[in-house]
Amino acid sequence: MAGKAAGMTVFAVEDEFSEPLREKKLALADGWVRDYTEFI
């Protein structure tokens, strides 16, 4: 949320800890990745 407030592009990263928040993360983020290797 801080990144969005700063006008930045924000990607959500899938993880087990925040699985219950997945839909909220998708709604707030500009994109979604399963892990950081997708940026390479």
N, C-alpha and C. Protein backbone atom coordinates (compact mmCIF):
# COMPACT_ATOMS: atom_id res chain seq x y z
N MET A 1 0.82 -1.19 0.00
CA MET A 1 0.00 0.00 0.00
C MET A 1 0.87 1.26 0.00
N ALA A 2 2.04 1.17 0.63
CA ALA A 2 2.94 2.32 0.65
C ALA A 2 3.44 2.63 -0.76
N GLY A 3 3.75 1.59 -1.52
CA GLY A 3 4.20 1.79 -2.89
C GLY A 3 3.15 2.47 -3.75
N LYS A 4 1.91 2.04 -3.63
CA LYS A 4 0.82 2.66 -4.39
C LYS A 4 0.63 4.11 -3.98
N ALA A 5 0.72 4.39 -2.67
CA ALA A 5 0.58 5.75 -2.18
C ALA A 5 1.68 6.66 -2.71
N ALA A 6 2.85 6.06 -2.99
CA ALA A 6 3.98 6.82 -3.53
C ALA A 6 3.94 6.91 -5.04
N GLY A 7 2.91 6.34 -5.67
CA GLY A 7 2.78 6.41 -7.12
C GLY A 7 3.61 5.39 -7.86
N MET A 8 4.05 4.35 -7.18
CA MET A 8 4.89 3.32 -7.78
C MET A 8 4.06 2.19 -8.38
N THR A 9 4.65 1.46 -9.32
CA THR A 9 4.05 0.24 -9.83
C THR A 9 4.32 -0.85 -8.80
N VAL A 10 3.27 -1.59 -8.43
CA VAL A 10 3.37 -2.57 -7.36
C VAL A 10 3.00 -3.96 -7.88
N PHE A 11 3.86 -4.94 -7.59
CA PHE A 11 3.59 -6.33 -7.91
C PHE A 11 3.41 -7.12 -6.62
N ALA A 12 2.39 -7.94 -6.58
CA ALA A 12 2.18 -8.84 -5.45
C ALA A 12 2.95 -10.13 -5.71
N VAL A 13 3.50 -10.70 -4.66
CA VAL A 13 4.25 -11.95 -4.77
C VAL A 13 3.50 -13.02 -3.99
N GLU A 14 3.23 -14.13 -4.65
CA GLU A 14 2.51 -15.22 -4.02
C GLU A 14 3.34 -15.83 -2.90
N ASP A 15 2.70 -16.08 -1.76
CA ASP A 15 3.36 -16.80 -0.67
C ASP A 15 2.29 -17.47 0.20
N GLU A 16 2.70 -18.48 0.94
CA GLU A 16 1.76 -19.24 1.76
C GLU A 16 1.19 -18.40 2.89
N PHE A 17 2.00 -17.53 3.48
CA PHE A 17 1.58 -16.74 4.62
C PHE A 17 0.38 -15.86 4.31
N SER A 18 0.38 -15.23 3.15
CA SER A 18 -0.70 -14.30 2.82
C SER A 18 -1.74 -14.89 1.87
N GLU A 19 -1.78 -16.19 1.73
CA GLU A 19 -2.76 -16.84 0.86
C GLU A 19 -4.19 -16.38 1.15
N PRO A 20 -4.60 -16.23 2.42
CA PRO A 20 -5.96 -15.76 2.69
C PRO A 20 -6.23 -14.34 2.16
N LEU A 21 -5.18 -13.57 1.89
CA LEU A 21 -5.34 -12.20 1.41
C LEU A 21 -5.15 -12.09 -0.10
N ARG A 22 -5.11 -13.21 -0.80
CA ARG A 22 -4.79 -13.21 -2.23
C ARG A 22 -5.68 -12.28 -3.04
N GLU A 23 -6.98 -12.35 -2.85
CA GLU A 23 -7.89 -11.51 -3.64
C GLU A 23 -7.66 -10.02 -3.36
N LYS A 24 -7.40 -9.68 -2.11
CA LYS A 24 -7.13 -8.29 -1.76
C LYS A 24 -5.83 -7.82 -2.40
N LYS A 25 -4.81 -8.68 -2.35
CA LYS A 25 -3.53 -8.34 -2.98
C LYS A 25 -3.69 -8.15 -4.49
N LEU A 26 -4.45 -9.01 -5.12
CA LEU A 26 -4.69 -8.88 -6.57
C LEU A 26 -5.40 -7.58 -6.90
N ALA A 27 -6.34 -7.19 -6.07
CA ALA A 27 -7.10 -5.96 -6.32
C ALA A 27 -6.22 -4.72 -6.16
N LEU A 28 -5.27 -4.75 -5.26
CA LEU A 28 -4.43 -3.58 -4.99
C LEU A 28 -3.21 -3.49 -5.91
N ALA A 29 -2.71 -4.62 -6.37
CA ALA A 29 -1.45 -4.64 -7.13
C ALA A 29 -1.68 -4.37 -8.61
N ASP A 30 -0.61 -3.93 -9.26
CA ASP A 30 -0.63 -3.73 -10.72
C ASP A 30 -0.33 -5.02 -11.45
N GLY A 31 0.31 -5.96 -10.76
CA GLY A 31 0.65 -7.24 -11.35
C GLY A 31 0.85 -8.28 -10.28
N TRP A 32 1.05 -9.54 -10.70
CA TRP A 32 1.15 -10.67 -9.78
C TRP A 32 2.22 -11.61 -10.26
N VAL A 33 3.08 -12.06 -9.38
CA VAL A 33 4.10 -13.05 -9.73
C VAL A 33 4.08 -14.18 -8.70
N ARG A 34 4.49 -15.37 -9.14
CA ARG A 34 4.55 -16.51 -8.22
C ARG A 34 5.82 -16.49 -7.39
N ASP A 35 6.93 -15.99 -7.97
CA ASP A 35 8.17 -15.81 -7.23
C ASP A 35 9.03 -14.78 -7.94
N TYR A 36 10.09 -14.35 -7.28
CA TYR A 36 10.91 -13.26 -7.80
C TYR A 36 11.65 -13.62 -9.09
N THR A 37 11.79 -14.89 -9.40
CA THR A 37 12.50 -15.26 -10.64
C THR A 37 11.74 -14.81 -11.88
N GLU A 38 10.47 -14.53 -11.77
CA GLU A 38 9.70 -14.06 -12.92
C GLU A 38 10.14 -12.67 -13.38
N PHE A 39 10.89 -11.95 -12.56
CA PHE A 39 11.37 -10.63 -12.95
C PHE A 39 12.64 -10.72 -13.78
N ILE A 40 13.27 -11.89 -13.81
CA ILE A 40 14.54 -12.04 -14.53
C ILE A 40 14.27 -12.24 -16.01
